[in-house]
Amino acid sequence: MCKVFHQGESRFKTQPKGKVAQSGFNAKVSSEDAGNLAGQIKDALTFLQEYEKEIKRLVDFPGVEGVELDFAIEQRDVFVQSDRFPPKLLLLCGQLGVELTVSRYMQSAD
C-alpha cells in the first residue's frame, strides 16, 4: 500500500488545515499493528534487505531531501516509555541513508 501526498495539499482528511510542507509518499512496510514492535522490526528488516538497491537509488535521487522509516508505536500508560531497536536495523538504515522515526499513538479503547 502506498499513499502519495503533494506540497500544499491537506495531509489528513480529519485536519484539512494541516497542509503538506513537502511532497512525498508513504509505503507500507509492515502489516503489524502499533502494539507489535518486534513484528514491525522484523518486517522492516526484510523490506530494507529486499529493496536495498531501490531504496539507495531513491535516497540518492536528485531533489530527494530525506527518506525515513517510521514505526507506529502505542503510547503505553507508564512513567517512562522505552522502545529498543536492534543494531542490525540501525546499521542498515545508516548504510542506506534512511532516518528512523518513532510515531507514538494513544492506545485504542477496546
Foldseek 3Di string as FASTA:
>chain_A
DKDWFAAQAQPDPVCRVRGDHHTDMDDDQAPDDQDCVVRSLVSNLVVCVVCVVVLLCQQPDPPDPAAEDEREHEDDPDPDDDDDHDPVSVVSCVVSRYHYHYDYDHDDDD
